[in-house]
């Protein structure tokens, strides 16, 4: 059974070590399209919204991928 504690300890906590921010977006739709493009290439991508809730022009939506996929993901997004 998946619980919040299992999810936190096995997925979210190790993120700082194994996941790399490869791109930042101002607009959510661009971030979601980039995530979908990477998912189509079998690269798991995670979006972290660090935008201010009142002023969306402050901060970015960051796109993270596992460090093993970082170069491939960056190459795919560059061509996209």
PDB file of N, CA and C in Angstrom:
ATOM      1  N   UNK A   1       0.839  -1.177   0.000  1.00  0.00           N
ATOM      2  CA  UNK A   1       0.000   0.000   0.000  1.00  0.00           C
ATOM      3  C   UNK A   1       0.888   1.246   0.000  1.00  0.00           C
ATOM      4  N   UNK A   2       0.557   2.192  -0.848  1.00  0.00           N
ATOM      5  CA  UNK A   2       1.317   3.436  -0.914  1.00  0.00           C
ATOM      6  C   UNK A   2       0.756   4.408   0.112  1.00  0.00           C
ATOM      7  N   UNK A   3       1.605   4.842   0.995  1.00  0.00           N
ATOM      8  CA  UNK A   3       1.198   5.833   1.984  1.00  0.00           C
ATOM      9  C   UNK A   3       2.009   7.097   1.762  1.00  0.00           C
ATOM     10  N   UNK A   4       1.579   8.157   2.399  1.00  0.00           N
ATOM     11  CA  UNK A   4       2.300   9.415   2.263  1.00  0.00           C
ATOM     12  C   UNK A   4       3.737   9.283   2.763  1.00  0.00           C
ATOM     13  N   UNK A   5       3.924   8.555   3.850  1.00  0.00           N
ATOM     14  CA  UNK A   5       5.269   8.386   4.399  1.00  0.00           C
ATOM     15  C   UNK A   5       6.148   7.613   3.426  1.00  0.00           C
ATOM     16  N   UNK A   6       5.611   6.550   2.804  1.00  0.00           N
ATOM     17  CA  UNK A   6       6.391   5.796   1.819  1.00  0.00           C
ATOM     18  C   UNK A   6       6.743   6.664   0.631  1.00  0.00           C
ATOM     19  N   UNK A   7       5.776   7.428   0.160  1.00  0.00           N
ATOM     20  CA  UNK A   7       6.011   8.313  -0.966  1.00  0.00           C
ATOM     21  C   UNK A   7       7.081   9.335  -0.616  1.00  0.00           C
ATOM     22  N   UNK A   8       6.998   9.897   0.568  1.00  0.00           N
ATOM     23  CA  UNK A   8       7.953  10.912   0.997  1.00  0.00           C
ATOM     24  C   UNK A   8       9.357  10.345   1.122  1.00  0.00           C
ATOM     25  N   UNK A   9       9.491   9.212   1.750  1.00  0.00           N
ATOM     26  CA  UNK A   9      10.826   8.673   2.003  1.00  0.00           C
ATOM     27  C   UNK A   9      11.473   8.052   0.778  1.00  0.00           C
ATOM     28  N   UNK A  10      10.684   7.478  -0.121  1.00  0.00           N
ATOM     29  CA  UNK A  10      11.261   6.784  -1.276  1.00  0.00           C
ATOM     30  C   UNK A  10      11.291   7.605  -2.550  1.00  0.00           C
ATOM     31  N   UNK A  11      10.544   8.688  -2.573  1.00  0.00           N
ATOM     32  CA  UNK A  11      10.439   9.410  -3.838  1.00  0.00           C
ATOM     33  C   UNK A  11      10.839  10.876  -3.699  1.00  0.00           C
ATOM     34  N   UNK A  12      10.288  11.557  -2.736  1.00  0.00           N
ATOM     35  CA  UNK A  12      10.514  12.994  -2.654  1.00  0.00           C
ATOM     36  C   UNK A  12      11.804  13.367  -1.928  1.00  0.00           C
ATOM     37  N   UNK A  13      12.127  12.712  -0.858  1.00  0.00           N
ATOM     38  CA  UNK A  13      13.320  13.090  -0.100  1.00  0.00           C
ATOM     39  C   UNK A  13      14.614  12.889  -0.883  1.00  0.00           C
ATOM     40  N   UNK A  14      14.771  11.798  -1.632  1.00  0.00           N
ATOM     41  CA  UNK A  14      16.022  11.644  -2.377  1.00  0.00           C
ATOM     42  C   UNK A  14      16.101  12.554  -3.610  1.00  0.00           C
ATOM     43  N   UNK A  15      15.059  13.338  -3.870  1.00  0.00           N
ATOM     44  CA  UNK A  15      15.037  14.148  -5.078  1.00  0.00           C
ATOM     45  C   UNK A  15      16.217  15.110  -5.146  1.00  0.00           C
ATOM     46  N   UNK A  16      16.615  15.653  -4.035  1.00  0.00           N
ATOM     47  CA  UNK A  16      17.704  16.630  -4.065  1.00  0.00           C
ATOM     48  C   UNK A  16      19.021  16.016  -4.532  1.00  0.00           C
ATOM     49  N   UNK A  17      19.192  14.737  -4.374  1.00  0.00           N
ATOM     50  CA  UNK A  17      20.443  14.095  -4.767  1.00  0.00           C
ATOM     51  C   UNK A  17      20.417  13.597  -6.212  1.00  0.00           C
ATOM     52  N   UNK A  18      19.280  13.125  -6.652  1.00  0.00           N
ATOM     53  CA  UNK A  18      19.219  12.422  -7.924  1.00  0.00           C
ATOM     54  C   UNK A  18      18.516  13.177  -9.046  1.00  0.00           C
ATOM     55  N   UNK A  19      17.909  14.296  -8.745  1.00  0.00           N
ATOM     56  CA  UNK A  19      17.134  15.028  -9.733  1.00  0.00           C
ATOM     57  C   UNK A  19      17.775  16.378 -10.007  1.00  0.00           C
ATOM     58  N   UNK A  20      17.774  16.765 -11.280  1.00  0.00           N
ATOM     59  CA  UNK A  20      18.439  17.998 -11.709  1.00  0.00           C
ATOM     60  C   UNK A  20      17.429  18.903 -12.397  1.00  0.00           C
ATOM     61  N   UNK A  21      17.486  20.169 -12.055  1.00  0.00           N
ATOM     62  CA  UNK A  21      16.663  21.171 -12.715  1.00  0.00           C
ATOM     63  C   UNK A  21      17.305  21.476 -14.066  1.00  0.00           C
ATOM     64  N   UNK A  22      16.589  21.160 -15.152  1.00  0.00           N
ATOM     65  CA  UNK A  22      17.181  21.388 -16.469  1.00  0.00           C
ATOM     66  C   UNK A  22      16.597  22.597 -17.186  1.00  0.00           C
ATOM     67  N   UNK A  23      15.467  23.112 -16.709  1.00  0.00           N
ATOM     68  CA  UNK A  23      14.868  24.256 -17.389  1.00  0.00           C
ATOM     69  C   UNK A  23      13.838  24.910 -16.475  1.00  0.00           C
ATOM     70  N   UNK A  24      13.674  26.212 -16.646  1.00  0.00           N
ATOM     71  CA  UNK A  24      12.655  26.958 -15.919  1.00  0.00           C
ATOM     72  C   UNK A  24      11.706  27.634 -16.892  1.00  0.00           C
ATOM     73  N   UNK A  25      10.453  27.731 -16.513  1.00  0.00           N
ATOM     74  CA  UNK A  25       9.422  28.304 -17.374  1.00  0.00           C
ATOM     75  C   UNK A  25       8.654  29.382 -16.623  1.00  0.00           C
ATOM     76  N   UNK A  26       8.222  30.380 -17.356  1.00  0.00           N
ATOM     77  CA  UNK A  26       7.356  31.410 -16.783  1.00  0.00           C
ATOM     78  C   UNK A  26       5.900  30.974 -16.897  1.00  0.00           C
ATOM     79  N   UNK A  27       5.549  30.338 -18.013  1.00  0.00           N
ATOM     80  CA  UNK A  27       4.163  29.950 -18.276  1.00  0.00           C
ATOM     81  C   UNK A  27       3.958  28.461 -18.004  1.00  0.00           C
ATOM     82  N   UNK A  28       2.878  28.148 -17.293  1.00  0.00           N
ATOM     83  CA  UNK A  28       2.587  26.761 -16.922  1.00  0.00           C
ATOM     84  C   UNK A  28       2.357  25.882 -18.142  1.00  0.00           C
ATOM     85  N   UNK A  29       1.703  26.416 -19.168  1.00  0.00           N
ATOM     86  CA  UNK A  29       1.418  25.578 -20.334  1.00  0.00           C
ATOM     87  C   UNK A  29       2.701  25.132 -21.027  1.00  0.00           C
ATOM     88  N   UNK A  30       3.728  25.988 -21.059  1.00  0.00           N
ATOM     89  CA  UNK A  30       5.000  25.599 -21.667  1.00  0.00           C
ATOM     90  C   UNK A  30       5.669  24.493 -20.856  1.00  0.00           C
ATOM     91  N   UNK A  31       5.621  24.622 -19.542  1.00  0.00           N
ATOM     92  CA  UNK A  31       6.216  23.611 -18.664  1.00  0.00           C
ATOM     93  C   UNK A  31       5.517  22.266 -18.832  1.00  0.00           C
ATOM     94  N   UNK A  32       4.195  22.296 -18.937  1.00  0.00           N
ATOM     95  CA  UNK A  32       3.442  21.054 -19.075  1.00  0.00           C
ATOM     96  C   UNK A  32       3.683  20.392 -20.430  1.00  0.00           C
ATOM     97  N   UNK A  33       3.837  21.196 -21.478  1.00  0.00           N
ATOM     98  CA  UNK A  33       4.145  20.631 -22.797  1.00  0.00           C
ATOM     99  C   UNK A  33       5.534  19.993 -22.779  1.00  0.00           C
ATOM    100  N   UNK A  34       6.511  20.680 -22.182  1.00  0.00           N
ATOM    101  CA  UNK A  34       7.872  20.132 -22.095  1.00  0.00           C
ATOM    102  C   UNK A  34       7.870  18.827 -21.309  1.00  0.00           C
ATOM    103  N   UNK A  35       7.112  18.783 -20.227  1.00  0.00           N
ATOM    104  CA  UNK A  35       7.009  17.553 -19.443  1.00  0.00           C
ATOM    105  C   UNK A  35       6.410  16.437 -20.284  1.00  0.00           C
ATOM    106  N   UNK A  36       5.376  16.734 -21.044  1.00  0.00           N
ATOM    107  CA  UNK A  36       4.734  15.724 -21.892  1.00  0.00           C
ATOM    108  C   UNK A  36       5.684  15.228 -22.979  1.00  0.00           C
ATOM    109  N   UNK A  37       6.467  16.134 -23.565  1.00  0.00           N
ATOM    110  CA  UNK A  37       7.440  15.739 -24.596  1.00  0.00           C
ATOM    111  C   UNK A  37       8.458  14.768 -24.008  1.00  0.00           C
ATOM    112  N   UNK A  38       8.956  15.070 -22.827  1.00  0.00           N
ATOM    113  CA  UNK A  38       9.927  14.175 -22.187  1.00  0.00           C
ATOM    114  C   UNK A  38       9.285  12.840 -21.830  1.00  0.00           C
ATOM    115  N   UNK A  39       8.048  12.879 -21.352  1.00  0.00           N
ATOM    116  CA  UNK A  39       7.352  11.629 -21.025  1.00  0.00           C
ATOM    117  C   UNK A  39       7.162  10.768 -22.257  1.00  0.00           C
ATOM    118  N   UNK A  40       6.929  11.391 -23.416  1.00  0.00           N
ATOM    119  CA  UNK A  40       6.796  10.629 -24.660  1.00  0.00           C
ATOM    120  C   UNK A  40       8.096   9.934 -25.045  1.00  0.00           C
ATOM    121  N   UNK A  41       9.219  10.476 -24.573  1.00  0.00           N
ATOM    122  CA  UNK A  41      10.527   9.865 -24.820  1.00  0.00           C
ATOM    123  C   UNK A  41      10.973   8.992 -23.642  1.00  0.00           C
ATOM    124  N   UNK A  42      10.016   8.591 -22.819  1.00  0.00           N
ATOM    125  CA  UNK A  42      10.264   7.717 -21.659  1.00  0.00           C
ATOM    126  C   UNK A  42      11.225   8.327 -20.652  1.00  0.00           C
ATOM    127  N   UNK A  43      11.159   9.637 -20.491  1.00  0.00           N
ATOM    128  CA  UNK A  43      11.935  10.324 -19.466  1.00  0.00           C
ATOM    129  C   UNK A  43      10.951  10.902 -18.463  1.00  0.00           C
ATOM    130  N   UNK A  44      11.050  10.456 -17.225  1.00  0.00           N
ATOM    131  CA  UNK A  44      10.169  10.975 -16.185  1.00  0.00           C
ATOM    132  C   UNK A  44      10.597  12.394 -15.840  1.00  0.00           C
ATOM    133  N   UNK A  45       9.661  13.305 -15.896  1.00  0.00           N
ATOM    134  CA  UNK A  45       9.934  14.709 -15.598  1.00  0.00           C
ATOM    135  C   UNK A  45       8.965  15.191 -14.532  1.00  0.00           C
ATOM    136  N   UNK A  46       9.475  16.006 -13.625  1.00  0.00           N
ATOM    137  CA  UNK A  46       8.676  16.529 -12.522  1.00  0.00           C
ATOM    138  C   UNK A  46       8.699  18.048 -12.587  1.00  0.00           C
ATOM    139  N   UNK A  47       7.538  18.661 -12.427  1.00  0.00           N
ATOM    140  CA  UNK A  47       7.434  20.114 -12.394  1.00  0.00           C
ATOM    141  C   UNK A  47       7.310  20.569 -10.950  1.00  0.00           C
ATOM    142  N   UNK A  48       8.087  21.593 -10.606  1.00  0.00           N
ATOM    143  CA  UNK A  48       8.005  22.202  -9.284  1.00  0.00           C
ATOM    144  C   UNK A  48       7.699  23.680  -9.504  1.00  0.00           C
ATOM    145  N   UNK A  49       6.521  24.093  -9.062  1.00  0.00           N
ATOM    146  CA  UNK A  49       6.085  25.470  -9.263  1.00  0.00           C
ATOM    147  C   UNK A  49       6.611  26.335  -8.125  1.00  0.00           C
ATOM    148  N   UNK A  50       7.547  27.204  -8.455  1.00  0.00           N
ATOM    149  CA  UNK A  50       8.119  28.111  -7.461  1.00  0.00           C
ATOM    150  C   UNK A  50       7.693  29.552  -7.728  1.00  0.00           C
ATOM    151  N   UNK A  51       6.580  29.691  -8.449  1.00  0.00           N
ATOM    152  CA  UNK A  51       6.062  31.020  -8.717  1.00  0.00           C
ATOM    153  C   UNK A  51       5.275  31.528  -7.523  1.00  0.00           C
ATOM    154  N   UNK A  52       5.320  32.833  -7.341  1.00  0.00           N
ATOM    155  CA  UNK A  52       4.507  33.480  -6.320  1.00  0.00           C
ATOM    156  C   UNK A  52       3.041  33.323  -6.715  1.00  0.00           C
ATOM    157  N   UNK A  53       2.186  33.005  -5.769  1.00  0.00           N
ATOM    158  CA  UNK A  53       0.780  32.773  -6.105  1.00  0.00           C
ATOM    159  C   UNK A  53       0.048  34.051  -6.501  1.00  0.00           C
ATOM    160  N   UNK A  54       0.474  35.189  -6.018  1.00  0.00           N
ATOM    161  CA  UNK A  54      -0.187  36.448  -6.352  1.00  0.00           C
ATOM    162  C   UNK A  54       0.447  37.117  -7.571  1.00  0.00           C
ATOM    163  N   UNK A  55       1.744  36.958  -7.716  1.00  0.00           N
ATOM    164  CA  UNK A  55       2.473  37.594  -8.815  1.00  0.00           C
ATOM    165  C   UNK A  55       3.219  36.516  -9.594  1.00  0.00           C
ATOM    166  N   UNK A  56       2.569  35.959 -10.611  1.00  0.00           N
ATOM    167  CA  UNK A  56       3.150  34.821 -11.314  1.00  0.00           C
ATOM    168  C   UNK A  56       4.379  35.189 -12.138  1.00  0.00           C
ATOM    169  N   UNK A  57       4.656  36.468 -12.292  1.00  0.00           N
ATOM    170  CA  UNK A  57       5.872  36.856 -13.006  1.00  0.00           C
ATOM    171  C   UNK A  57       7.100  36.773 -12.099  1.00  0.00           C
ATOM    172  N   UNK A  58       6.881  36.461 -10.832  1.00  0.00           N
ATOM    173  CA  UNK A  58       7.983  36.280  -9.885  1.00  0.00           C
ATOM    174  C   UNK A  58       8.164  34.784  -9.664  1.00  0.00           C
ATOM    175  N   UNK A  59       9.334  34.283 -10.017  1.00  0.00           N
ATOM    176  CA  UNK A  59       9.619  32.863  -9.853  1.00  0.00           C
ATOM    177  C   UNK A  59       9.372  32.082 -11.127  1.00  0.00           C
ATOM    178  N   UNK A  60       9.777  30.830 -11.105  1.00  0.00           N
ATOM    179  CA  UNK A  60       9.675  29.972 -12.277  1.00  0.00           C
ATOM    180  C   UNK A  60       9.015  28.646 -11.929  1.00  0.00           C
ATOM    181  N   UNK A  61       8.556  27.972 -12.948  1.00  0.00           N
ATOM    182  CA  UNK A  61       8.140  26.575 -12.834  1.00  0.00           C
ATOM    183  C   UNK A  61       9.339  25.771 -13.313  1.00  0.00           C
ATOM    184  N   UNK A  62       9.925  24.995 -12.411  1.00  0.00           N
ATOM    185  CA  UNK A  62      11.169  24.295 -12.715  1.00  0.00           C
ATOM    186  C   UNK A  62      10.876  22.862 -13.163  1.00  0.00           C
ATOM    187  N   UNK A  63      11.620  22.427 -14.164  1.00  0.00           N
ATOM    188  CA  UNK A  63      11.486  21.080 -14.724  1.00  0.00           C
ATOM    189  C   UNK A  63      12.674  20.245 -14.267  1.00  0.00           C
ATOM    190  N   UNK A  64      12.395  19.172 -13.558  1.00  0.00           N
ATOM    191  CA  UNK A  64      13.429  18.287 -13.035  1.00  0.00           C
ATOM    192  C   UNK A  64      13.376  16.933 -13.726  1.00  0.00           C
ATOM    193  N   UNK A  65      14.545  16.371 -13.977  1.00  0.00           N
ATOM    194  CA  UNK A  65      14.665  15.003 -14.473  1.00  0.00           C
ATOM    195  C   UNK A  65      15.741  14.300 -13.653  1.00  0.00           C
ATOM    196  N   UNK A  66      15.716  12.984 -13.686  1.00  0.00           N
ATOM    197  CA  UNK A  66      16.741  12.209 -12.994  1.00  0.00           C
ATOM    198  C   UNK A  66      18.091  12.510 -13.640  1.00  0.00           C
ATOM    199  N   UNK A  67      19.118  12.552 -12.842  1.00  0.00           N
ATOM    200  CA  UNK A  67      20.439  12.938 -13.367  1.00  0.00           C
ATOM    201  C   UNK A  67      20.940  12.017 -14.475  1.00  0.00           C
ATOM    202  N   UNK A  68      20.497  10.758 -14.487  1.00  0.00           N
ATOM    203  CA  UNK A  68      20.901   9.839 -15.549  1.00  0.00           C
ATOM    204  C   UNK A  68      20.299  10.215 -16.903  1.00  0.00           C
ATOM    205  N   UNK A  69      19.210  10.989 -16.885  1.00  0.00           N
ATOM    206  CA  UNK A  69      18.526  11.386 -18.114  1.00  0.00           C
ATOM    207  C   UNK A  69      18.728  12.862 -18.461  1.00  0.00           C
ATOM    208  N   UNK A  70      19.523  13.569 -17.700  1.00  0.00           N
ATOM    209  CA  UNK A  70      19.624  15.017 -17.852  1.00  0.00           C
ATOM    210  C   UNK A  70      20.141  15.440 -19.228  1.00  0.00           C
ATOM    211  N   UNK A  71      21.203  14.842 -19.708  1.00  0.00           N
ATOM    212  CA  UNK A  71      21.758  15.238 -21.007  1.00  0.00           C
ATOM    213  C   UNK A  71      20.797  14.921 -22.143  1.00  0.00           C
ATOM    214  N   UNK A  72      20.211  13.753 -22.100  1.00  0.00           N
ATOM    215  CA  UNK A  72      19.251  13.367 -23.139  1.00  0.00           C
ATOM    216  C   UNK A  72      18.039  14.288 -23.125  1.00  0.00           C
ATOM    217  N   UNK A  73      17.541  14.592 -21.938  1.00  0.00           N
ATOM    218  CA  UNK A  73      16.370  15.461 -21.816  1.00  0.00           C
ATOM    219  C   UNK A  73      16.680  16.873 -22.318  1.00  0.00           C
ATOM    220  N   UNK A  74      17.844  17.387 -21.964  1.00  0.00           N
ATOM    221  CA  UNK A  74      18.230  18.720 -22.428  1.00  0.00           C
ATOM    222  C   UNK A  74      18.334  18.745 -23.953  1.00  0.00           C
ATOM    223  N   UNK A  75      18.869  17.691 -24.531  1.00  0.00           N
ATOM    224  CA  UNK A  75      18.997  17.604 -25.984  1.00  0.00           C
ATOM    225  C   UNK A  75      17.615  17.568 -26.647  1.00  0.00           C
ATOM    226  N   UNK A  76      16.699  16.797 -26.097  1.00  0.00           N
ATOM    227  CA  UNK A  76      15.352  16.702 -26.638  1.00  0.00           C
ATOM    228  C   UNK A  76      14.652  18.057 -26.571  1.00  0.00           C
ATOM    229  N   UNK A  77      14.785  18.733 -25.460  1.00  0.00           N
ATOM    230  CA  UNK A  77      14.120  20.040 -25.314  1.00  0.00           C
ATOM    231  C   UNK A  77      14.764  21.104 -26.204  1.00  0.00           C
ATOM    232  N   UNK A  78      16.040  20.993 -26.426  1.00  0.00           N
ATOM    233  CA  UNK A  78      16.723  21.946 -27.323  1.00  0.00           C
ATOM    234  C   UNK A  78      16.196  21.814 -28.745  1.00  0.00           C
ATOM    235  N   UNK A  79      15.918  20.582 -29.171  1.00  0.00           N
ATOM    236  CA  UNK A  79      15.405  20.340 -30.518  1.00  0.00           C
ATOM    237  C   UNK A  79      13.919  20.653 -30.628  1.00  0.00           C
ATOM    238  N   UNK A  80      13.229  20.650 -29.531  1.00  0.00           N
ATOM    239  CA  UNK A  80      11.803  20.906 -29.496  1.00  0.00           C
ATOM    240  C   UNK A  80      11.593  22.357 -29.566  1.00  0.00           C
TER     241      UNK A  80
END
